[in-house]
Amino acid sequence: MKKWLIISVMLLSSCTVSSDREKSIRFDSNEKDVKIYINGEKHCVTPCITQVPRSRNSLIVVAKKDGFDDYHLTVPSSVKSSVFYITMEHPPKNIFEKQNLERQRRIRAFVLENYSQMKMDTFTESKEYLFALSHMTGIPLAKLEQMTEDAKDEAALANDIVDLYKKK
């Protein structure tokens, strides 16, 4: 009986050590079936969740899909986020398209980086982050507040806001 107890405890502790050595990262993108490479190895195809070793080193992420520019992302080891949204783009045809794509990138990054603060804004009077986003996009504050309340996660909200911005 003691042997089984010791083996069980050892197995459980080894599982804990293993989970401490890896972390889950979720990738999504505006295009389906984007191949995700981490440090040169293919990990998954979007939308996906993959396991990566915890490390003091940065992760080098490259997203690839035929007909699109490769997307490069360096994830420092200090980054706590485990959700990354990748915007695959065709090369811009003119300066106006390039500026518009850059604006959409900034809007998406703002939502992804400030999602929790935007959620909190829906319960406060100041609405600091929602106001800034309204100014950035031209979308009415009340509409952004409703979209934020209804959002299932940060990636979905970022997509919805960028889609609405593109229609303006």
Protein backbone atom coordinates (compact mmCIF):
# COMPACT_ATOMS: atom_id res chain seq x y z
CA MET A 1 0.00 0.00 0.00
CA LYS A 2 2.83 2.42 0.84
CA LYS A 3 4.43 1.78 -2.57
CA TRP A 4 1.22 2.76 -4.39
CA LEU A 5 0.82 5.88 -2.30
CA ILE A 6 4.42 6.95 -2.99
CA ILE A 7 4.06 6.25 -6.72
CA SER A 8 0.77 8.18 -6.84
CA VAL A 9 2.30 11.17 -5.09
CA MET A 10 5.31 11.06 -7.43
CA LEU A 11 3.07 10.94 -10.48
CA LEU A 12 0.96 13.82 -9.24
CA SER A 13 3.99 15.93 -8.43
CA SER A 14 5.52 15.22 -11.84
CA CYS A 15 2.27 16.41 -13.48
CA THR A 16 2.47 19.62 -11.51
CA VAL A 17 6.08 20.18 -12.49
CA SER A 18 5.19 19.58 -16.14
CA SER A 19 2.37 22.14 -16.11
CA ASP A 20 4.68 24.65 -14.40
CA ARG A 21 7.12 24.23 -17.27
CA GLU A 22 4.59 24.94 -20.03
CA LYS A 23 1.97 27.56 -20.72
CA SER A 24 -0.94 27.66 -23.12
CA ILE A 25 -1.10 30.32 -25.80
CA ARG A 26 -4.16 30.97 -27.94
CA PHE A 27 -3.87 32.34 -31.46
CA ASP A 28 -6.65 33.67 -33.64
CA SER A 29 -6.55 35.67 -36.84
CA ASN A 30 -8.69 37.56 -39.30
CA GLU A 31 -8.04 34.75 -41.82
CA LYS A 32 -8.69 31.06 -41.24
CA ASP A 33 -5.97 28.41 -41.51
CA VAL A 34 -2.99 30.65 -40.76
CA LYS A 35 0.06 28.55 -39.90
CA ILE A 36 1.72 29.52 -36.61
CA TYR A 37 5.45 28.94 -36.21
CA ILE A 38 7.11 29.47 -32.84
CA ASN A 39 10.91 29.67 -32.75
CA GLY A 40 10.99 28.12 -36.22
CA GLU A 41 8.72 25.13 -35.48
CA LYS A 42 5.18 24.79 -36.80
CA HIS A 43 2.87 24.68 -33.77
CA CYS A 44 -0.70 25.01 -35.01
CA VAL A 45 -3.19 26.44 -37.50
CA THR A 46 -5.58 29.21 -36.45
CA PRO A 47 -7.77 29.34 -34.53
CA CYS A 48 -5.74 27.27 -32.08
CA ILE A 49 -4.29 26.77 -28.63
CA THR A 50 -0.75 25.49 -28.29
CA GLN A 51 1.62 24.65 -25.44
CA VAL A 52 5.02 26.35 -25.21
CA PRO A 53 7.75 25.89 -22.64
CA ARG A 54 8.01 28.57 -19.96
CA SER A 55 11.30 30.30 -20.52
CA ARG A 56 13.28 33.43 -19.79
CA ASN A 57 13.75 33.84 -23.55
CA SER A 58 11.39 35.64 -25.90
CA LEU A 59 9.27 33.66 -28.33
CA ILE A 60 9.60 34.43 -32.02
CA VAL A 61 6.22 33.91 -33.68
CA VAL A 62 5.71 33.93 -37.45
CA ALA A 63 2.27 33.55 -38.99
CA LYS A 64 2.09 32.44 -42.63
CA LYS A 65 -0.59 32.07 -45.26
CA ASP A 66 -0.27 32.01 -49.04
CA GLY A 67 -1.15 35.36 -50.66
CA PHE A 68 -0.51 37.35 -47.46
CA ASP A 69 2.48 39.08 -45.93
CA ASP A 70 4.10 37.03 -43.17
CA TYR A 71 3.29 38.40 -39.72
CA HIS A 72 6.21 38.56 -37.26
CA LEU A 73 5.76 38.90 -33.53
CA THR A 74 8.28 38.79 -30.70
CA VAL A 75 6.72 37.82 -27.39
CA PRO A 76 8.95 38.75 -24.44
CA SER A 77 9.02 36.22 -21.63
CA SER A 78 7.60 38.89 -19.29
CA VAL A 79 4.34 39.13 -21.30
CA LYS A 80 1.47 37.68 -19.29
CA SER A 81 -1.09 37.61 -22.12
CA SER A 82 -1.93 34.21 -23.49
CA VAL A 83 -4.23 35.39 -26.30
CA PHE A 84 -2.84 36.81 -29.52
CA TYR A 85 -4.84 38.05 -32.48
CA ILE A 86 -2.95 38.13 -35.75
CA THR A 87 -4.04 40.33 -38.62
CA MET A 88 -2.97 38.85 -41.93
CA GLU A 89 -2.84 41.43 -44.70
CA HIS A 90 -2.36 41.65 -48.41
CA PRO A 91 0.30 44.19 -49.29
CA PRO A 92 -1.39 47.65 -49.51
CA LYS A 93 -2.02 48.97 -53.02
CA ASN A 94 -1.67 52.69 -52.22
CA ILE A 95 -0.85 55.15 -49.43
CA PHE A 96 -4.50 55.58 -48.41
CA GLU A 97 -4.92 51.82 -47.98
CA LYS A 98 -1.65 51.66 -46.03
CA GLN A 99 -2.78 54.44 -43.64
CA ASN A 100 -6.21 52.84 -43.19
CA LEU A 101 -4.67 49.44 -42.35
CA GLU A 102 -2.34 51.09 -39.85
CA ARG A 103 -5.31 52.82 -38.18
CA GLN A 104 -7.16 49.48 -37.95
CA ARG A 105 -4.05 47.90 -36.39
CA ARG A 106 -3.90 50.65 -33.77
CA ILE A 107 -7.61 50.27 -32.95
CA ARG A 108 -7.28 46.49 -32.62
CA ALA A 109 -4.17 46.80 -30.45
CA PHE A 110 -5.92 49.36 -28.22
CA VAL A 111 -8.87 47.03 -27.63
CA LEU A 112 -6.68 43.97 -26.99
CA GLU A 113 -4.38 45.84 -24.60
CA ASN A 114 -7.15 47.65 -22.70
CA TYR A 115 -9.98 45.11 -22.72
CA SER A 116 -10.20 44.70 -18.95
CA GLN A 117 -10.18 48.48 -18.40
CA MET A 118 -12.88 48.88 -21.06
CA LYS A 119 -14.99 46.26 -19.27
CA MET A 120 -14.53 48.21 -16.02
CA ASP A 121 -15.51 51.44 -17.83
CA THR A 122 -18.97 49.98 -18.43
CA PHE A 123 -19.50 50.14 -14.63
CA THR A 124 -18.03 53.61 -13.99
CA GLU A 125 -18.99 57.15 -14.89
CA SER A 126 -15.59 58.25 -16.24
CA LYS A 127 -15.49 55.79 -19.17
CA GLU A 128 -11.91 56.91 -19.86
CA TYR A 129 -10.91 54.04 -22.17
CA LEU A 130 -14.22 53.90 -24.01
CA PHE A 131 -14.06 57.67 -24.54
CA ALA A 132 -10.54 57.39 -26.00
CA LEU A 133 -11.67 54.60 -28.32
CA SER A 134 -14.71 56.62 -29.39
CA HIS A 135 -12.41 59.51 -30.26
CA MET A 136 -10.08 57.17 -32.16
CA THR A 137 -12.83 55.46 -34.19
CA GLY A 138 -15.68 57.95 -34.45
CA ILE A 139 -18.02 55.29 -33.03
CA PRO A 140 -20.48 56.73 -30.48
CA LEU A 141 -19.61 56.13 -26.83
CA ALA A 142 -22.96 54.44 -26.10
CA LYS A 143 -22.43 51.98 -28.98
CA LEU A 144 -18.93 51.09 -27.76
CA GLU A 145 -20.24 50.63 -24.23
CA GLN A 146 -22.93 48.22 -25.45
CA MET A 147 -20.47 46.30 -27.63
CA THR A 148 -18.06 45.98 -24.68
CA GLU A 149 -20.79 44.73 -22.35
CA ASP A 150 -21.90 42.13 -24.93
CA ALA A 151 -18.40 40.96 -25.94
CA LYS A 152 -17.50 37.35 -25.25
CA ASP A 153 -13.73 38.07 -25.28
CA GLU A 154 -11.15 40.63 -26.32
CA ALA A 155 -10.50 39.18 -29.79
CA ALA A 156 -14.21 39.19 -30.67
CA LEU A 157 -14.61 42.77 -29.44
CA ALA A 158 -11.54 43.93 -31.39
CA ASN A 159 -12.92 42.34 -34.57
CA ASP A 160 -16.38 43.83 -34.08
CA ILE A 161 -15.05 47.33 -33.46
CA VAL A 162 -12.68 47.23 -36.44
CA ASP A 163 -15.49 45.90 -38.66
CA LEU A 164 -17.75 48.75 -37.55
CA TYR A 165 -14.92 51.26 -38.06
CA LYS A 166 -14.37 49.97 -41.63
CA LYS A 167 -18.04 50.65 -42.46
CA LYS A 168 -17.70 54.34 -41.54
